Amino acid sequence: MTSQSPVPLTLAFVKVDTPMFAEVIDQLRSERSLSDGRRRDMISGLRRVAKVLGLPPEDVPCDSRWLQPRLSKVTPAALGLAPKSWQNAVSDARAALAQFGLVERRFNRIDDLSAGWQALWTDVLASGDKTLQPALCRFVHFLNRQGIEPSNVCSNHATAYREALEHNEFSKSPDVAYRAAVNGWNLAVRRLSKANLQN
């Protein structure tokens, strides 16, 4: 599935059809393969993790790449939680996701892209230029997720990409990833004769 409209930068790297914690909670309520106690523990784990993240369950995606950097920053003692209690909550939440097979595939497949981006990315791959793919892959998927067409890309979108990296902690150095994306884009404009990259 492809994205046709912008999304919050905090969710910019989350696949468009990723379910939220609230949906899993609803599914758990009618899951008869679990005991009542196990069902309650899983729901409690999801709710507690969402609360610690400062978000309602409706706004927490079932995406381990989104969750992991945020969970790693949690200090249980600072929140008045015993380490074991927090560990149990996280374990129960993860078990809930596993119950419904919510182990996401990597969000960088060509099928995730719109037609315009698929055509461009096909050109990138066909070029055999090994400097372009690593620099542009995440940037291209970000732009697609924001509903931006290749011919409309501008410097503001690159700045938003850097901000999204900061929000989502995908890069230890957002500046390095930002510069790589901008340089990769400029190289692609010069090197790919068939790519419609310019206004």
C-alpha atoms as a PDB file:
ATOM      1  CA  MET A   1       0.000   0.000   0.000  1.00  0.00           C
ATOM      2  CA  THR A   2       1.241   3.494  -0.792  1.00  0.00           C
ATOM      3  CA  SER A   3       0.662   6.782   0.973  1.00  0.00           C
ATOM      4  CA  GLN A   4      -1.191   9.617  -0.692  1.00  0.00           C
ATOM      5  CA  SER A   5      -1.129  12.239   2.073  1.00  0.00           C
ATOM      6  CA  PRO A   6       1.361  13.664   4.567  1.00  0.00           C
ATOM      7  CA  VAL A   7       1.647  12.087   7.995  1.00  0.00           C
ATOM      8  CA  PRO A   8       3.115  13.424  11.258  1.00  0.00           C
ATOM      9  CA  LEU A   9       6.908  13.340  11.201  1.00  0.00           C
ATOM     10  CA  THR A  10       6.846  11.133  14.302  1.00  0.00           C
ATOM     11  CA  LEU A  11       5.213   8.428  12.140  1.00  0.00           C
ATOM     12  CA  ALA A  12       7.052   9.186   8.915  1.00  0.00           C
ATOM     13  CA  PHE A  13       8.920   5.866   8.885  1.00  0.00           C
ATOM     14  CA  VAL A  14       5.984   3.710   9.984  1.00  0.00           C
ATOM     15  CA  LYS A  15       4.334   1.662   7.247  1.00  0.00           C
ATOM     16  CA  VAL A  16       0.970   3.127   6.312  1.00  0.00           C
ATOM     17  CA  ASP A  17      -1.188   0.114   7.261  1.00  0.00           C
ATOM     18  CA  THR A  18       0.553  -0.605  10.586  1.00  0.00           C
ATOM     19  CA  PRO A  19      -2.057  -1.261  13.316  1.00  0.00           C
ATOM     20  CA  MET A  20      -2.052   0.718  16.544  1.00  0.00           C
ATOM     21  CA  PHE A  21      -2.046  -0.603  20.112  1.00  0.00           C
ATOM     22  CA  ALA A  22      -5.765   0.204  20.444  1.00  0.00           C
ATOM     23  CA  GLU A  23      -6.590  -2.185  17.601  1.00  0.00           C
ATOM     24  CA  VAL A  24      -4.636  -4.983  19.259  1.00  0.00           C
ATOM     25  CA  ILE A  25      -6.403  -4.309  22.555  1.00  0.00           C
ATOM     26  CA  ASP A  26      -9.757  -4.654  20.778  1.00  0.00           C
ATOM     27  CA  GLN A  27      -8.645  -7.922  19.170  1.00  0.00           C
ATOM     28  CA  LEU A  28      -7.421  -9.287  22.481  1.00  0.00           C
ATOM     29  CA  ARG A  29     -10.822  -8.735  24.099  1.00  0.00           C
ATOM     30  CA  SER A  30     -12.324 -11.326  21.768  1.00  0.00           C
ATOM     31  CA  GLU A  31      -9.300 -13.660  21.559  1.00  0.00           C
ATOM     32  CA  ARG A  32     -10.542 -16.974  22.980  1.00  0.00           C
ATOM     33  CA  SER A  33      -7.273 -18.873  22.614  1.00  0.00           C
ATOM     34  CA  LEU A  34      -5.942 -17.057  25.715  1.00  0.00           C
ATOM     35  CA  SER A  35      -6.879 -17.454  29.335  1.00  0.00           C
ATOM     36  CA  ASP A  36      -8.653 -14.520  30.964  1.00  0.00           C
ATOM     37  CA  GLY A  37      -5.550 -13.788  33.036  1.00  0.00           C
ATOM     38  CA  ARG A  38      -3.195 -13.823  30.068  1.00  0.00           C
ATOM     39  CA  ARG A  39      -5.535 -11.611  28.079  1.00  0.00           C
ATOM     40  CA  ARG A  40      -5.678  -9.101  30.937  1.00  0.00           C
ATOM     41  CA  ASP A  41      -1.887  -9.093  31.279  1.00  0.00           C
ATOM     42  CA  MET A  42      -1.383  -8.388  27.580  1.00  0.00           C
ATOM     43  CA  ILE A  43      -3.931  -5.580  27.539  1.00  0.00           C
ATOM     44  CA  SER A  44      -2.405  -4.117  30.691  1.00  0.00           C
ATOM     45  CA  GLY A  45       1.072  -4.306  29.149  1.00  0.00           C
ATOM     46  CA  LEU A  46      -0.034  -2.442  26.030  1.00  0.00           C
ATOM     47  CA  ARG A  47      -1.801   0.219  28.081  1.00  0.00           C
ATOM     48  CA  ARG A  48       1.122   0.689  30.451  1.00  0.00           C
ATOM     49  CA  VAL A  49       3.662   1.009  27.631  1.00  0.00           C
ATOM     50  CA  ALA A  50       1.448   3.580  25.888  1.00  0.00           C
ATOM     51  CA  LYS A  51       1.039   5.537  29.124  1.00  0.00           C
ATOM     52  CA  VAL A  52       4.783   5.592  29.773  1.00  0.00           C
ATOM     53  CA  LEU A  53       5.331   6.860  26.223  1.00  0.00           C
ATOM     54  CA  GLY A  54       2.838   9.637  26.958  1.00  0.00           C
ATOM     55  CA  LEU A  55       0.461   8.573  24.197  1.00  0.00           C
ATOM     56  CA  PRO A  56      -3.012   7.047  23.983  1.00  0.00           C
ATOM     57  CA  PRO A  57      -3.054   3.461  22.630  1.00  0.00           C
ATOM     58  CA  GLU A  58      -4.641   4.852  19.461  1.00  0.00           C
ATOM     59  CA  ASP A  59      -1.374   6.674  18.668  1.00  0.00           C
ATOM     60  CA  VAL A  60       1.173   3.939  19.384  1.00  0.00           C
ATOM     61  CA  PRO A  61       2.058   1.904  16.280  1.00  0.00           C
ATOM     62  CA  CYS A  62       2.815  -1.817  16.471  1.00  0.00           C
ATOM     63  CA  ASP A  63       6.226  -1.261  14.932  1.00  0.00           C
ATOM     64  CA  SER A  64       9.306  -2.501  16.780  1.00  0.00           C
ATOM     65  CA  ARG A  65      11.612  -0.102  14.925  1.00  0.00           C
ATOM     66  CA  TRP A  66       9.448   2.790  16.140  1.00  0.00           C
ATOM     67  CA  LEU A  67       9.073   1.405  19.653  1.00  0.00           C
ATOM     68  CA  GLN A  68      12.622   0.273  20.406  1.00  0.00           C
ATOM     69  CA  PRO A  69      14.443   3.643  20.573  1.00  0.00           C
ATOM     70  CA  ARG A  70      11.636   5.076  22.677  1.00  0.00           C
ATOM     71  CA  LEU A  71      11.513   2.149  25.088  1.00  0.00           C
ATOM     72  CA  SER A  72      15.282   2.211  25.465  1.00  0.00           C
ATOM     73  CA  LYS A  73      15.039   5.741  26.895  1.00  0.00           C
ATOM     74  CA  VAL A  74      12.602   4.772  29.651  1.00  0.00           C
ATOM     75  CA  THR A  75      14.013   4.875  33.179  1.00  0.00           C
ATOM     76  CA  PRO A  76      11.516   2.932  35.329  1.00  0.00           C
ATOM     77  CA  ALA A  77      12.664   4.395  38.650  1.00  0.00           C
ATOM     78  CA  ALA A  78      12.098   7.945  37.414  1.00  0.00           C
ATOM     79  CA  LEU A  79       8.491   6.993  36.693  1.00  0.00           C
ATOM     80  CA  GLY A  80       7.960   5.327  40.056  1.00  0.00           C
ATOM     81  CA  LEU A  81       8.035   1.848  38.525  1.00  0.00           C
ATOM     82  CA  ALA A  82       9.971  -1.116  39.795  1.00  0.00           C
ATOM     83  CA  PRO A  83      12.330  -2.393  37.056  1.00  0.00           C
ATOM     84  CA  LYS A  84      10.663  -5.812  37.188  1.00  0.00           C
ATOM     85  CA  SER A  85       7.198  -4.306  36.770  1.00  0.00           C
ATOM     86  CA  TRP A  86       8.345  -2.357  33.714  1.00  0.00           C
ATOM     87  CA  GLN A  87      10.082  -5.403  32.281  1.00  0.00           C
ATOM     88  CA  ASN A  88       6.885  -7.419  32.706  1.00  0.00           C
ATOM     89  CA  ALA A  89       4.792  -4.709  31.048  1.00  0.00           C
ATOM     90  CA  VAL A  90       7.092  -4.571  28.020  1.00  0.00           C
ATOM     91  CA  SER A  91       7.193  -8.368  27.838  1.00  0.00           C
ATOM     92  CA  ASP A  92       3.386  -8.577  27.943  1.00  0.00           C
ATOM     93  CA  ALA A  93       3.053  -5.890  25.264  1.00  0.00           C
ATOM     94  CA  ARG A  94       5.489  -7.712  22.991  1.00  0.00           C
ATOM     95  CA  ALA A  95       3.647 -10.979  23.581  1.00  0.00           C
ATOM     96  CA  ALA A  96       0.437  -9.265  22.512  1.00  0.00           C
ATOM     97  CA  LEU A  97       2.019  -8.149  19.243  1.00  0.00           C
ATOM     98  CA  ALA A  98       3.434 -11.626  18.664  1.00  0.00           C
ATOM     99  CA  GLN A  99      -0.008 -13.142  19.333  1.00  0.00           C
ATOM    100  CA  PHE A 100      -1.277 -11.526  16.147  1.00  0.00           C
ATOM    101  CA  GLY A 101       1.876 -11.943  14.076  1.00  0.00           C
ATOM    102  CA  LEU A 102       2.748  -8.268  14.157  1.00  0.00           C
ATOM    103  CA  VAL A 103       6.369  -8.660  13.162  1.00  0.00           C
ATOM    104  CA  GLU A 104       6.629  -6.083  10.439  1.00  0.00           C
ATOM    105  CA  ARG A 105       8.560  -6.536   7.249  1.00  0.00           C
ATOM    106  CA  ARG A 106      11.113  -3.913   6.360  1.00  0.00           C
ATOM    107  CA  PHE A 107       9.587  -0.685   5.176  1.00  0.00           C
ATOM    108  CA  ASN A 108      11.737  -0.192   2.113  1.00  0.00           C
ATOM    109  CA  ARG A 109      10.180  -2.333  -0.587  1.00  0.00           C
ATOM    110  CA  ILE A 110       9.458  -0.988  -4.040  1.00  0.00           C
ATOM    111  CA  ASP A 111       5.839  -2.164  -3.735  1.00  0.00           C
ATOM    112  CA  ASP A 112       5.359   0.399  -0.956  1.00  0.00           C
ATOM    113  CA  LEU A 113       5.983   3.236  -3.418  1.00  0.00           C
ATOM    114  CA  SER A 114       3.578   5.168  -5.634  1.00  0.00           C
ATOM    115  CA  ALA A 115       3.812   4.705  -9.397  1.00  0.00           C
ATOM    116  CA  GLY A 116       6.002   7.785  -9.833  1.00  0.00           C
ATOM    117  CA  TRP A 117       8.444   6.702  -7.150  1.00  0.00           C
ATOM    118  CA  GLN A 118       8.468   3.110  -8.387  1.00  0.00           C
ATOM    119  CA  ALA A 119       9.538   4.338 -11.826  1.00  0.00           C
ATOM    120  CA  LEU A 120      12.278   6.492 -10.332  1.00  0.00           C
ATOM    121  CA  TRP A 121      13.530   3.768  -8.003  1.00  0.00           C
ATOM    122  CA  THR A 122      13.577   1.280 -10.885  1.00  0.00           C
ATOM    123  CA  ASP A 123      15.882   3.709 -12.708  1.00  0.00           C
ATOM    124  CA  VAL A 124      18.114   3.981  -9.636  1.00  0.00           C
ATOM    125  CA  LEU A 125      18.429   0.197  -9.380  1.00  0.00           C
ATOM    126  CA  ALA A 126      18.932  -0.235 -13.116  1.00  0.00           C
ATOM    127  CA  SER A 127      21.723   2.348 -13.137  1.00  0.00           C
ATOM    128  CA  GLY A 128      23.933   0.075 -11.052  1.00  0.00           C
ATOM    129  CA  ASP A 129      25.233   3.211  -9.343  1.00  0.00           C
ATOM    130  CA  LYS A 130      26.139   1.943  -5.879  1.00  0.00           C
ATOM    131  CA  THR A 131      26.440   5.453  -4.435  1.00  0.00           C
ATOM    132  CA  LEU A 132      22.776   6.268  -4.996  1.00  0.00           C
ATOM    133  CA  GLN A 133      20.814   3.434  -3.435  1.00  0.00           C
ATOM    134  CA  PRO A 134      22.122   3.626   0.170  1.00  0.00           C
ATOM    135  CA  ALA A 135      21.949   7.424   0.198  1.00  0.00           C
ATOM    136  CA  LEU A 136      18.445   7.665  -1.236  1.00  0.00           C
ATOM    137  CA  CYS A 137      16.489   4.604  -0.062  1.00  0.00           C
ATOM    138  CA  ARG A 138      15.111   5.953   3.215  1.00  0.00           C
ATOM    139  CA  PHE A 139      14.720   9.466   1.797  1.00  0.00           C
ATOM    140  CA  VAL A 140      12.661   8.191  -1.157  1.00  0.00           C
ATOM    141  CA  HIS A 141      10.367   6.189   1.124  1.00  0.00           C
ATOM    142  CA  PHE A 142       9.987   9.193   3.409  1.00  0.00           C
ATOM    143  CA  LEU A 143       8.973  11.436   0.494  1.00  0.00           C
ATOM    144  CA  ASN A 144       6.543   8.810  -0.770  1.00  0.00           C
ATOM    145  CA  ARG A 145       5.014   8.464   2.710  1.00  0.00           C
ATOM    146  CA  GLN A 146       4.480  12.231   2.770  1.00  0.00           C
ATOM    147  CA  GLY A 147       2.655  12.149  -0.562  1.00  0.00           C
ATOM    148  CA  ILE A 148       5.342  14.186  -2.356  1.00  0.00           C
ATOM    149  CA  GLU A 149       5.872  13.379  -6.025  1.00  0.00           C
ATOM    150  CA  PRO A 150       9.421  13.187  -7.478  1.00  0.00           C
ATOM    151  CA  SER A 151       8.963  16.307  -9.591  1.00  0.00           C
ATOM    152  CA  ASN A 152       7.929  18.368  -6.542  1.00  0.00           C
ATOM    153  CA  VAL A 153      10.860  17.649  -4.218  1.00  0.00           C
ATOM    154  CA  CYS A 154      12.468  20.777  -2.750  1.00  0.00           C
ATOM    155  CA  SER A 155      14.857  21.756   0.021  1.00  0.00           C
ATOM    156  CA  ASN A 156      12.013  22.037   2.541  1.00  0.00           C
ATOM    157  CA  HIS A 157      11.343  18.323   2.134  1.00  0.00           C
ATOM    158  CA  ALA A 158      14.982  17.515   2.871  1.00  0.00           C
ATOM    159  CA  THR A 159      14.771  19.642   6.018  1.00  0.00           C
ATOM    160  CA  ALA A 160      11.608  17.795   7.063  1.00  0.00           C
ATOM    161  CA  TYR A 161      13.445  14.506   6.476  1.00  0.00           C
ATOM    162  CA  ARG A 162      16.194  15.563   8.874  1.00  0.00           C
ATOM    163  CA  GLU A 163      13.582  16.520  11.467  1.00  0.00           C
ATOM    164  CA  ALA A 164      11.862  13.155  11.020  1.00  0.00           C
ATOM    165  CA  LEU A 165      15.172  11.374  11.614  1.00  0.00           C
ATOM    166  CA  GLU A 166      15.556  13.306  14.865  1.00  0.00           C
ATOM    167  CA  HIS A 167      12.016  12.436  15.975  1.00  0.00           C
ATOM    168  CA  ASN A 168      12.423   8.765  15.172  1.00  0.00           C
ATOM    169  CA  GLU A 169      16.063   8.342  16.160  1.00  0.00           C
ATOM    170  CA  PHE A 170      16.885   6.277  13.099  1.00  0.00           C
ATOM    171  CA  SER A 171      20.265   7.864  12.786  1.00  0.00           C
ATOM    172  CA  LYS A 172      22.861   8.652  15.428  1.00  0.00           C
ATOM    173  CA  SER A 173      23.778  11.628  13.275  1.00  0.00           C
ATOM    174  CA  PRO A 174      20.757  13.135  11.487  1.00  0.00           C
ATOM    175  CA  ASP A 175      23.078  15.689   9.873  1.00  0.00           C
ATOM    176  CA  VAL A 176      25.118  12.938   8.201  1.00  0.00           C
ATOM    177  CA  ALA A 177      21.981  11.158   6.940  1.00  0.00           C
ATOM    178  CA  TYR A 178      20.535  14.476   5.773  1.00  0.00           C
ATOM    179  CA  ARG A 179      23.673  15.410   3.826  1.00  0.00           C
ATOM    180  CA  ALA A 180      23.868  11.935   2.290  1.00  0.00           C
ATOM    181  CA  ALA A 181      20.256  12.212   1.121  1.00  0.00           C
ATOM    182  CA  VAL A 182      20.745  15.687  -0.374  1.00  0.00           C
ATOM    183  CA  ASN A 183      23.995  14.704  -2.081  1.00  0.00           C
ATOM    184  CA  GLY A 184      22.427  11.470  -3.343  1.00  0.00           C
ATOM    185  CA  TRP A 185      19.450  13.350  -4.717  1.00  0.00           C
ATOM    186  CA  ASN A 186      21.650  15.881  -6.507  1.00  0.00           C
ATOM    187  CA  LEU A 187      23.740  13.056  -7.985  1.00  0.00           C
ATOM    188  CA  ALA A 188      20.595  11.311  -9.189  1.00  0.00           C
ATOM    189  CA  VAL A 189      19.400  14.488 -10.880  1.00  0.00           C
ATOM    190  CA  ARG A 190      22.684  14.668 -12.791  1.00  0.00           C
ATOM    191  CA  ARG A 191      23.179  10.977 -13.535  1.00  0.00           C
ATOM    192  CA  LEU A 192      19.754   9.524 -14.308  1.00  0.00           C
ATOM    193  CA  SER A 193      18.693  10.799 -17.684  1.00  0.00           C
ATOM    194  CA  LYS A 194      15.222   9.215 -17.495  1.00  0.00           C
ATOM    195  CA  ALA A 195      14.388  10.212 -13.926  1.00  0.00           C
ATOM    196  CA  ASN A 196      11.911  13.087 -13.753  1.00  0.00           C
ATOM    197  CA  LEU A 197      13.412  14.743 -10.707  1.00  0.00           C
ATOM    198  CA  GLN A 198      13.347  18.397 -11.534  1.00  0.00           C
ATOM    199  CA  ASN A 199      10.508  20.885 -11.531  1.00  0.00           C
END
